Amino acid sequence: MEMAHIRKRNGKWIAEVRKKDFKKIQKTFLKKSNATNWVQEIEYQMDKNQYEDFSDSSKFNLGDLIKKYRDEISINKKGVVRVVKGSQTLPFFI
């Protein structure tokens, strides 16, 4: 099911895009032309598989992101020495 819908509510324009394999997304605009342009851009990105949904990004804080980077990205960089402590291998950054 593919559908984009723009409607006016309380003096504002609500643009909504629905497409198979993607979450329903919507955004509010003051001008209908801005809503139309946004819908076209989102549909284009979805068609090209370039659309990224960042709606879950508010669940993370900066500390969580830094820890994730440390544990998943930095571990593979030059300058990381693995230190064995007990039964764990810990990264040591030099």
PDB file of N, CA and C in Angstrom:
ATOM      1  N   MET A   1       0.848  -1.185   0.000  1.00  0.00           N
ATOM      2  CA  MET A   1       0.000   0.000   0.000  1.00  0.00           C
ATOM      3  C   MET A   1       0.886   1.238   0.000  1.00  0.00           C
ATOM      4  N   GLU A   2       0.709   2.083  -0.965  1.00  0.00           N
ATOM      5  CA  GLU A   2       1.437   3.341  -1.045  1.00  0.00           C
ATOM      6  C   GLU A   2       0.435   4.474  -1.015  1.00  0.00           C
ATOM      7  N   MET A   3       0.693   5.423  -0.143  1.00  0.00           N
ATOM      8  CA  MET A   3      -0.229   6.537  -0.095  1.00  0.00           C
ATOM      9  C   MET A   3       0.402   7.720   0.616  1.00  0.00           C
ATOM     10  N   ALA A   4       0.223   8.875   0.036  1.00  0.00           N
ATOM     11  CA  ALA A   4       0.580  10.121   0.695  1.00  0.00           C
ATOM     12  C   ALA A   4      -0.702  10.924   0.823  1.00  0.00           C
ATOM     13  N   HIS A   5      -0.866  11.519   1.973  1.00  0.00           N
ATOM     14  CA  HIS A   5      -2.103  12.243   2.234  1.00  0.00           C
ATOM     15  C   HIS A   5      -1.749  13.553   2.918  1.00  0.00           C
ATOM     16  N   ILE A   6      -2.335  14.649   2.430  1.00  0.00           N
ATOM     17  CA  ILE A   6      -2.138  15.963   3.042  1.00  0.00           C
ATOM     18  C   ILE A   6      -3.505  16.507   3.406  1.00  0.00           C
ATOM     19  N   ARG A   7      -3.660  16.892   4.663  1.00  0.00           N
ATOM     20  CA  ARG A   7      -4.940  17.443   5.099  1.00  0.00           C
ATOM     21  C   ARG A   7      -4.709  18.655   5.979  1.00  0.00           C
ATOM     22  N   LYS A   8      -5.734  19.500   6.052  1.00  0.00           N
ATOM     23  CA  LYS A   8      -5.642  20.705   6.866  1.00  0.00           C
ATOM     24  C   LYS A   8      -6.391  20.477   8.169  1.00  0.00           C
ATOM     25  N   ARG A   9      -5.736  20.849   9.277  1.00  0.00           N
ATOM     26  CA  ARG A   9      -6.368  20.696  10.584  1.00  0.00           C
ATOM     27  C   ARG A   9      -5.902  21.836  11.480  1.00  0.00           C
ATOM     28  N   ASN A  10      -6.842  22.528  12.045  1.00  0.00           N
ATOM     29  CA  ASN A  10      -6.556  23.651  12.949  1.00  0.00           C
ATOM     30  C   ASN A  10      -5.591  24.669  12.344  1.00  0.00           C
ATOM     31  N   GLY A  11      -5.755  24.949  11.076  1.00  0.00           N
ATOM     32  CA  GLY A  11      -4.941  25.949  10.405  1.00  0.00           C
ATOM     33  C   GLY A  11      -3.563  25.478   9.990  1.00  0.00           C
ATOM     34  N   LYS A  12      -3.255  24.216  10.207  1.00  0.00           N
ATOM     35  CA  LYS A  12      -1.956  23.663   9.821  1.00  0.00           C
ATOM     36  C   LYS A  12      -2.164  22.499   8.873  1.00  0.00           C
ATOM     37  N   TRP A  13      -1.141  22.222   8.073  1.00  0.00           N
ATOM     38  CA  TRP A  13      -1.191  21.132   7.110  1.00  0.00           C
ATOM     39  C   TRP A  13      -0.448  19.923   7.671  1.00  0.00           C
ATOM     40  N   ILE A  14      -1.105  18.787   7.657  1.00  0.00           N
ATOM     41  CA  ILE A  14      -0.519  17.544   8.134  1.00  0.00           C
ATOM     42  C   ILE A  14      -0.277  16.643   6.934  1.00  0.00           C
ATOM     43  N   ALA A  15       0.988  16.317   6.722  1.00  0.00           N
ATOM     44  CA  ALA A  15       1.373  15.432   5.632  1.00  0.00           C
ATOM     45  C   ALA A  15       1.670  14.058   6.214  1.00  0.00           C
ATOM     46  N   GLU A  16       1.141  13.039   5.565  1.00  0.00           N
ATOM     47  CA  GLU A  16       1.307  11.670   6.042  1.00  0.00           C
ATOM     48  C   GLU A  16       1.702  10.782   4.863  1.00  0.00           C
ATOM     49  N   VAL A  17       2.719   9.963   5.079  1.00  0.00           N
ATOM     50  CA  VAL A  17       3.174   9.053   4.033  1.00  0.00           C
ATOM     51  C   VAL A  17       3.085   7.636   4.572  1.00  0.00           C
ATOM     52  N   ARG A  18       2.437   6.772   3.807  1.00  0.00           N
ATOM     53  CA  ARG A  18       2.349   5.351   4.144  1.00  0.00           C
ATOM     54  C   ARG A  18       2.881   4.558   2.966  1.00  0.00           C
ATOM     55  N   LYS A  19       3.755   3.619   3.278  1.00  0.00           N
ATOM     56  CA  LYS A  19       4.293   2.766   2.234  1.00  0.00           C
ATOM     57  C   LYS A  19       4.642   1.421   2.850  1.00  0.00           C
ATOM     58  N   LYS A  20       4.421   0.373   2.072  1.00  0.00           N
ATOM     59  CA  LYS A  20       4.710  -0.980   2.532  1.00  0.00           C
ATOM     60  C   LYS A  20       6.175  -1.081   2.943  1.00  0.00           C
ATOM     61  N   ASP A  21       6.440  -1.807   4.012  1.00  0.00           N
ATOM     62  CA  ASP A  21       7.773  -2.035   4.574  1.00  0.00           C
ATOM     63  C   ASP A  21       8.358  -0.819   5.289  1.00  0.00           C
ATOM     64  N   PHE A  22       7.591   0.244   5.454  1.00  0.00           N
ATOM     65  CA  PHE A  22       8.029   1.423   6.197  1.00  0.00           C
ATOM     66  C   PHE A  22       6.966   1.778   7.229  1.00  0.00           C
ATOM     67  N   LYS A  23       7.402   2.426   8.308  1.00  0.00           N
ATOM     68  CA  LYS A  23       6.443   2.936   9.286  1.00  0.00           C
ATOM     69  C   LYS A  23       5.696   4.119   8.679  1.00  0.00           C
ATOM     70  N   LYS A  24       4.486   4.333   9.160  1.00  0.00           N
ATOM     71  CA  LYS A  24       3.746   5.528   8.753  1.00  0.00           C
ATOM     72  C   LYS A  24       4.455   6.726   9.363  1.00  0.00           C
ATOM     73  N   ILE A  25       4.688   7.751   8.558  1.00  0.00           N
ATOM     74  CA  ILE A  25       5.319   8.948   9.086  1.00  0.00           C
ATOM     75  C   ILE A  25       4.462  10.155   8.750  1.00  0.00           C
ATOM     76  N   GLN A  26       4.495  11.121   9.643  1.00  0.00           N
ATOM     77  CA  GLN A  26       3.744  12.345   9.386  1.00  0.00           C
ATOM     78  C   GLN A  26       4.485  13.533   9.964  1.00  0.00           C
ATOM     79  N   LYS A  27       4.191  14.688   9.393  1.00  0.00           N
ATOM     80  CA  LYS A  27       4.828  15.926   9.813  1.00  0.00           C
ATOM     81  C   LYS A  27       3.843  17.062   9.584  1.00  0.00           C
ATOM     82  N   THR A  28       3.933  18.090  10.407  1.00  0.00           N
ATOM     83  CA  THR A  28       3.017  19.226  10.342  1.00  0.00           C
ATOM     84  C   THR A  28       3.723  20.441   9.750  1.00  0.00           C
ATOM     85  N   PHE A  29       3.011  21.166   8.902  1.00  0.00           N
ATOM     86  CA  PHE A  29       3.566  22.332   8.213  1.00  0.00           C
ATOM     87  C   PHE A  29       2.593  23.501   8.283  1.00  0.00           C
ATOM     88  N   LEU A  30       3.123  24.707   8.134  1.00  0.00           N
ATOM     89  CA  LEU A  30       2.279  25.899   8.079  1.00  0.00           C
ATOM     90  C   LEU A  30       1.769  26.154   6.657  1.00  0.00           C
ATOM     91  N   LYS A  31       2.541  25.726   5.649  1.00  0.00           N
ATOM     92  CA  LYS A  31       2.154  25.933   4.250  1.00  0.00           C
ATOM     93  C   LYS A  31       1.951  24.592   3.559  1.00  0.00           C
ATOM     94  N   LYS A  32       0.929  24.542   2.725  1.00  0.00           N
ATOM     95  CA  LYS A  32       0.645  23.312   1.978  1.00  0.00           C
ATOM     96  C   LYS A  32       1.785  22.988   1.010  1.00  0.00           C
ATOM     97  N   SER A  33       2.404  24.008   0.432  1.00  0.00           N
ATOM     98  CA  SER A  33       3.496  23.768  -0.513  1.00  0.00           C
ATOM     99  C   SER A  33       4.682  23.082   0.173  1.00  0.00           C
ATOM    100  N   ASN A  34       4.955  23.457   1.417  1.00  0.00           N
ATOM    101  CA  ASN A  34       6.038  22.799   2.162  1.00  0.00           C
ATOM    102  C   ASN A  34       5.691  21.333   2.432  1.00  0.00           C
ATOM    103  N   ALA A  35       4.442  21.084   2.753  1.00  0.00           N
ATOM    104  CA  ALA A  35       3.997  19.707   3.004  1.00  0.00           C
ATOM    105  C   ALA A  35       4.119  18.868   1.732  1.00  0.00           C
ATOM    106  N   THR A  36       3.731  19.424   0.610  1.00  0.00           N
ATOM    107  CA  THR A  36       3.811  18.721  -0.668  1.00  0.00           C
ATOM    108  C   THR A  36       5.266  18.401  -1.024  1.00  0.00           C
ATOM    109  N   ASN A  37       6.137  19.376  -0.851  1.00  0.00           N
ATOM    110  CA  ASN A  37       7.563  19.149  -1.142  1.00  0.00           C
ATOM    111  C   ASN A  37       8.144  18.069  -0.235  1.00  0.00           C
ATOM    112  N   TRP A  38       7.781  18.079   1.049  1.00  0.00           N
ATOM    113  CA  TRP A  38       8.273  17.085   1.995  1.00  0.00           C
ATOM    114  C   TRP A  38       7.808  15.683   1.595  1.00  0.00           C
ATOM    115  N   VAL A  39       6.525  15.564   1.232  1.00  0.00           N
ATOM    116  CA  VAL A  39       5.969  14.268   0.819  1.00  0.00           C
ATOM    117  C   VAL A  39       6.727  13.742  -0.400  1.00  0.00           C
ATOM    118  N   GLN A  40       6.967  14.594  -1.380  1.00  0.00           N
ATOM    119  CA  GLN A  40       7.679  14.174  -2.584  1.00  0.00           C
ATOM    120  C   GLN A  40       9.092  13.704  -2.249  1.00  0.00           C
ATOM    121  N   GLU A  41       9.779  14.424  -1.361  1.00  0.00           N
ATOM    122  CA  GLU A  41      11.140  14.050  -0.982  1.00  0.00           C
ATOM    123  C   GLU A  41      11.163  12.719  -0.230  1.00  0.00           C
ATOM    124  N   ILE A  42      10.240  12.528   0.705  1.00  0.00           N
ATOM    125  CA  ILE A  42      10.183  11.285   1.473  1.00  0.00           C
ATOM    126  C   ILE A  42       9.864  10.101   0.554  1.00  0.00           C
ATOM    127  N   GLU A  43       8.900  10.265  -0.337  1.00  0.00           N
ATOM    128  CA  GLU A  43       8.550   9.188  -1.267  1.00  0.00           C
ATOM    129  C   GLU A  43       9.740   8.848  -2.172  1.00  0.00           C
ATOM    130  N   TYR A  44      10.462   9.858  -2.623  1.00  0.00           N
ATOM    131  CA  TYR A  44      11.637   9.624  -3.460  1.00  0.00           C
ATOM    132  C   TYR A  44      12.681   8.820  -2.688  1.00  0.00           C
ATOM    133  N   GLN A  45      12.958   9.221  -1.444  1.00  0.00           N
ATOM    134  CA  GLN A  45      13.934   8.506  -0.624  1.00  0.00           C
ATOM    135  C   GLN A  45      13.491   7.064  -0.375  1.00  0.00           C
ATOM    136  N   MET A  46      12.203   6.863  -0.139  1.00  0.00           N
ATOM    137  CA  MET A  46      11.697   5.508   0.083  1.00  0.00           C
ATOM    138  C   MET A  46      11.843   4.661  -1.179  1.00  0.00           C
ATOM    139  N   ASP A  47      11.547   5.232  -2.318  1.00  0.00           N
ATOM    140  CA  ASP A  47      11.667   4.504  -3.584  1.00  0.00           C
ATOM    141  C   ASP A  47      13.106   4.083  -3.857  1.00  0.00           C
ATOM    142  N   LYS A  48      14.056   4.906  -3.448  1.00  0.00           N
ATOM    143  CA  LYS A  48      15.473   4.624  -3.670  1.00  0.00           C
ATOM    144  C   LYS A  48      16.104   3.878  -2.489  1.00  0.00           C
ATOM    145  N   ASN A  49      15.296   3.508  -1.504  1.00  0.00           N
ATOM    146  CA  ASN A  49      15.775   2.851  -0.275  1.00  0.00           C
ATOM    147  C   ASN A  49      16.829   3.677   0.442  1.00  0.00           C
ATOM    148  N   GLN A  50      16.659   4.991   0.434  1.00  0.00           N
ATOM    149  CA  GLN A  50      17.580   5.899   1.113  1.00  0.00           C
ATOM    150  C   GLN A  50      16.961   6.526   2.356  1.00  0.00           C
ATOM    151  N   TYR A  51      15.686   6.269   2.598  1.00  0.00           N
ATOM    152  CA  TYR A  51      15.013   6.877   3.745  1.00  0.00           C
ATOM    153  C   TYR A  51      15.504   6.234   5.035  1.00  0.00           C
ATOM    154  N   GLU A  52      15.868   7.057   6.011  1.00  0.00           N
ATOM    155  CA  GLU A  52      16.282   6.578   7.326  1.00  0.00           C
ATOM    156  C   GLU A  52      15.324   7.120   8.365  1.00  0.00           C
ATOM    157  N   ASP A  53      14.815   6.235   9.182  1.00  0.00           N
ATOM    158  CA  ASP A  53      13.868   6.606  10.230  1.00  0.00           C
ATOM    159  C   ASP A  53      14.632   6.866  11.516  1.00  0.00           C
ATOM    160  N   PHE A  54      14.614   8.101  11.980  1.00  0.00           N
ATOM    161  CA  PHE A  54      15.308   8.474  13.204  1.00  0.00           C
ATOM    162  C   PHE A  54      14.350   8.660  14.375  1.00  0.00           C
ATOM    163  N   SER A  55      13.134   8.146  14.255  1.00  0.00           N
ATOM    164  CA  SER A  55      12.148   8.367  15.318  1.00  0.00           C
ATOM    165  C   SER A  55      12.538   7.719  16.635  1.00  0.00           C
ATOM    166  N   ASP A  56      13.344   6.651  16.593  1.00  0.00           N
ATOM    167  CA  ASP A  56      13.779   5.991  17.823  1.00  0.00           C
ATOM    168  C   ASP A  56      15.005   6.650  18.435  1.00  0.00           C
ATOM    169  N   SER A  57      15.571   7.632  17.770  1.00  0.00           N
ATOM    170  CA  SER A  57      16.818   8.230  18.248  1.00  0.00           C
ATOM    171  C   SER A  57      16.642   8.973  19.568  1.00  0.00           C
ATOM    172  N   SER A  58      15.433   9.386  19.898  1.00  0.00           N
ATOM    173  CA  SER A  58      15.216  10.102  21.156  1.00  0.00           C
ATOM    174  C   SER A  58      15.328   9.176  22.369  1.00  0.00           C
ATOM    175  N   LYS A  59      15.388   7.876  22.145  1.00  0.00           N
ATOM    176  CA  LYS A  59      15.508   6.922  23.241  1.00  0.00           C
ATOM    177  C   LYS A  59      16.935   6.839  23.776  1.00  0.00           C
ATOM    178  N   PHE A  60      17.901   7.374  23.030  1.00  0.00           N
ATOM    179  CA  PHE A  60      19.302   7.297  23.418  1.00  0.00           C
ATOM    180  C   PHE A  60      19.787   8.644  23.915  1.00  0.00           C
ATOM    181  N   ASN A  61      20.650   8.626  24.921  1.00  0.00           N
ATOM    182  CA  ASN A  61      21.285   9.866  25.329  1.00  0.00           C
ATOM    183  C   ASN A  61      22.738   9.831  24.871  1.00  0.00           C
ATOM    184  N   LEU A  62      23.456  10.905  25.058  1.00  0.00           N
ATOM    185  CA  LEU A  62      24.817  11.006  24.563  1.00  0.00           C
ATOM    186  C   LEU A  62      25.728   9.953  25.195  1.00  0.00           C
ATOM    187  N   GLY A  63      25.556   9.704  26.466  1.00  0.00           N
ATOM    188  CA  GLY A  63      26.370   8.693  27.146  1.00  0.00           C
ATOM    189  C   GLY A  63      26.203   7.317  26.525  1.00  0.00           C
ATOM    190  N   ASP A  64      24.963   6.947  26.201  1.00  0.00           N
ATOM    191  CA  ASP A  64      24.703   5.655  25.556  1.00  0.00           C
ATOM    192  C   ASP A  64      25.403   5.572  24.200  1.00  0.00           C
ATOM    193  N   LEU A  65      25.352   6.657  23.439  1.00  0.00           N
ATOM    194  CA  LEU A  65      25.973   6.675  22.120  1.00  0.00           C
ATOM    195  C   LEU A  65      27.492   6.574  22.218  1.00  0.00           C
ATOM    196  N   ILE A  66      28.076   7.242  23.209  1.00  0.00           N
ATOM    197  CA  ILE A  66      29.524   7.174  23.392  1.00  0.00           C
ATOM    198  C   ILE A  66      29.943   5.758  23.770  1.00  0.00           C
ATOM    199  N   LYS A  67      29.197   5.127  24.658  1.00  0.00           N
ATOM    200  CA  LYS A  67      29.507   3.745  25.046  1.00  0.00           C
ATOM    201  C   LYS A  67      29.381   2.800  23.853  1.00  0.00           C
ATOM    202  N   LYS A  68      28.343   3.000  23.053  1.00  0.00           N
ATOM    203  CA  LYS A  68      28.153   2.156  21.877  1.00  0.00           C
ATOM    204  C   LYS A  68      29.306   2.340  20.896  1.00  0.00           C
ATOM    205  N   TYR A  69      29.730   3.580  20.690  1.00  0.00           N
ATOM    206  CA  TYR A  69      30.866   3.854  19.806  1.00  0.00           C
ATOM    207  C   TYR A  69      32.126   3.197  20.352  1.00  0.00           C
ATOM    208  N   ARG A  70      32.345   3.335  21.643  1.00  0.00           N
ATOM    209  CA  ARG A  70      33.524   2.735  22.275  1.00  0.00           C
ATOM    210  C   ARG A  70      33.530   1.217  22.100  1.00  0.00           C
ATOM    211  N   ASP A  71      32.383   0.597  22.326  1.00  0.00           N
ATOM    212  CA  ASP A  71      32.299  -0.859  22.301  1.00  0.00           C
ATOM    213  C   ASP A  71      32.241  -1.463  20.904  1.00  0.00           C
ATOM    214  N   GLU A  72      31.704  -0.723  19.922  1.00  0.00           N
ATOM    215  CA  GLU A  72      31.505  -1.309  18.600  1.00  0.00           C
ATOM    216  C   GLU A  72      32.432  -0.759  17.522  1.00  0.00           C
ATOM    217  N   ILE A  73      32.862   0.492  17.640  1.00  0.00           N
ATOM    218  CA  ILE A  73      33.660   1.111  16.588  1.00  0.00           C
ATOM    219  C   ILE A  73      35.130   1.222  17.002  1.00  0.00           C
ATOM    220  N   SER A  74      35.360   1.849  18.138  1.00  0.00           N
ATOM    221  CA  SER A  74      36.741   2.094  18.570  1.00  0.00           C
ATOM    222  C   SER A  74      37.527   0.818  18.794  1.00  0.00           C
ATOM    223  N   ILE A  75      36.851  -0.226  19.146  1.00  0.00           N
ATOM    224  CA  ILE A  75      37.519  -1.495  19.441  1.00  0.00           C
ATOM    225  C   ILE A  75      38.314  -2.011  18.253  1.00  0.00           C
ATOM    226  N   ASN A  76      37.924  -1.622  17.044  1.00  0.00           N
ATOM    227  CA  ASN A  76      38.579  -2.107  15.831  1.00  0.00           C
ATOM    228  C   ASN A  76      39.614  -1.137  15.273  1.00  0.00           C
ATOM    229  N   LYS A  77      39.833  -0.027  15.946  1.00  0.00           N
ATOM    230  CA  LYS A  77      40.768   0.976  15.451  1.00  0.00           C
ATOM    231  C   LYS A  77      42.189   0.687  15.908  1.00  0.00           C
ATOM    232  N   LYS A  78      43.142   1.291  15.181  1.00  0.00           N
ATOM    233  CA  LYS A  78      44.546   1.196  15.570  1.00  0.00           C
ATOM    234  C   LYS A  78      44.713   1.852  16.939  1.00  0.00           C
ATOM    235  N   GLY A  79      45.630   1.389  17.725  1.00  0.00           N
ATOM    236  CA  GLY A  79      45.884   2.016  19.010  1.00  0.00           C
ATOM    237  C   GLY A  79      45.107   1.398  20.150  1.00  0.00           C
ATOM    238  N   VAL A  80      44.317   0.383  19.871  1.00  0.00           N
ATOM    239  CA  VAL A  80      43.578  -0.303  20.921  1.00  0.00           C
ATOM    240  C   VAL A  80      44.337  -1.562  21.278  1.00  0.00           C
ATOM    241  N   VAL A  81      44.676  -1.673  22.536  1.00  0.00           N
ATOM    242  CA  VAL A  81      45.363  -2.854  23.030  1.00  0.00           C
ATOM    243  C   VAL A  81      44.373  -3.612  23.889  1.00  0.00           C
ATOM    244  N   ARG A  82      44.258  -4.898  23.656  1.00  0.00           N
ATOM    245  CA  ARG A  82      43.331  -5.698  24.440  1.00  0.00           C
ATOM    246  C   ARG A  82      44.044  -6.201  25.699  1.00  0.00           C
ATOM    247  N   VAL A  83      43.427  -5.978  26.835  1.00  0.00           N
ATOM    248  CA  VAL A  83      43.992  -6.385  28.108  1.00  0.00           C
ATOM    249  C   VAL A  83      43.114  -7.482  28.678  1.00  0.00           C
ATOM    250  N   VAL A  84      43.734  -8.587  29.084  1.00  0.00           N
ATOM    251  CA  VAL A  84      42.969  -9.686  29.659  1.00  0.00           C
ATOM    252  C   VAL A  84      42.916  -9.487  31.171  1.00  0.00           C
ATOM    253  N   LYS A  85      41.695  -9.425  31.687  1.00  0.00           N
ATOM    254  CA  LYS A  85      41.490  -9.258  33.125  1.00  0.00           C
ATOM    255  C   LYS A  85      40.524 -10.359  33.552  1.00  0.00           C
ATOM    256  N   GLY A  86      41.031 -11.340  34.237  1.00  0.00           N
ATOM    257  CA  GLY A  86      40.186 -12.469  34.606  1.00  0.00           C
ATOM    258  C   GLY A  86      39.781 -13.218  33.359  1.00  0.00           C
ATOM    259  N   SER A  87      38.488 -13.401  33.181  1.00  0.00           N
ATOM    260  CA  SER A  87      37.985 -14.096  31.998  1.00  0.00           C
ATOM    261  C   SER A  87      37.522 -13.130  30.921  1.00  0.00           C
ATOM    262  N   GLN A  88      37.705 -11.814  31.161  1.00  0.00           N
ATOM    263  CA  GLN A  88      37.260 -10.804  30.204  1.00  0.00           C
ATOM    264  C   GLN A  88      38.437 -10.215  29.444  1.00  0.00           C
ATOM    265  N   THR A  89      38.209  -9.887  28.188  1.00  0.00           N
ATOM    266  CA  THR A  89      39.177  -9.143  27.394  1.00  0.00           C
ATOM    267  C   THR A  89      38.639  -7.725  27.293  1.00  0.00           C
ATOM    268  N   LEU A  90      39.388  -6.774  27.816  1.00  0.00           N
ATOM    269  CA  LEU A  90      38.950  -5.390  27.845  1.00  0.00           C
ATOM    270  C   LEU A  90      39.816  -4.540  26.912  1.00  0.00           C
ATOM    271  N   PRO A  91      39.225  -3.571  26.242  1.00  0.00           N
ATOM    272  CA  PRO A  91      40.045  -2.691  25.396  1.00  0.00           C
ATOM    273  C   PRO A  91      40.749  -1.653  26.262  1.00  0.00           C
ATOM    274  N   PHE A  92      41.969  -1.372  25.911  1.00  0.00           N
ATOM    275  CA  PHE A  92      42.733  -0.320  26.577  1.00  0.00           C
ATOM    276  C   PHE A  92      43.185   0.630  25.499  1.00  0.00           C
ATOM    277  N   PHE A  93      42.814   1.899  25.603  1.00  0.00           N
ATOM    278  CA  PHE A  93      43.103   2.873  24.559  1.00  0.00           C
ATOM    279  C   PHE A  93      44.405   3.586  24.876  1.00  0.00           C
ATOM    280  N   ILE A  94      45.308   3.608  23.893  1.00  0.00           N
ATOM    281  CA  ILE A  94      46.585   4.298  24.110  1.00  0.00           C
ATOM    282  C   ILE A  94      46.684   5.502  23.208  1.00  0.00           C
TER     283      ILE A  94
END
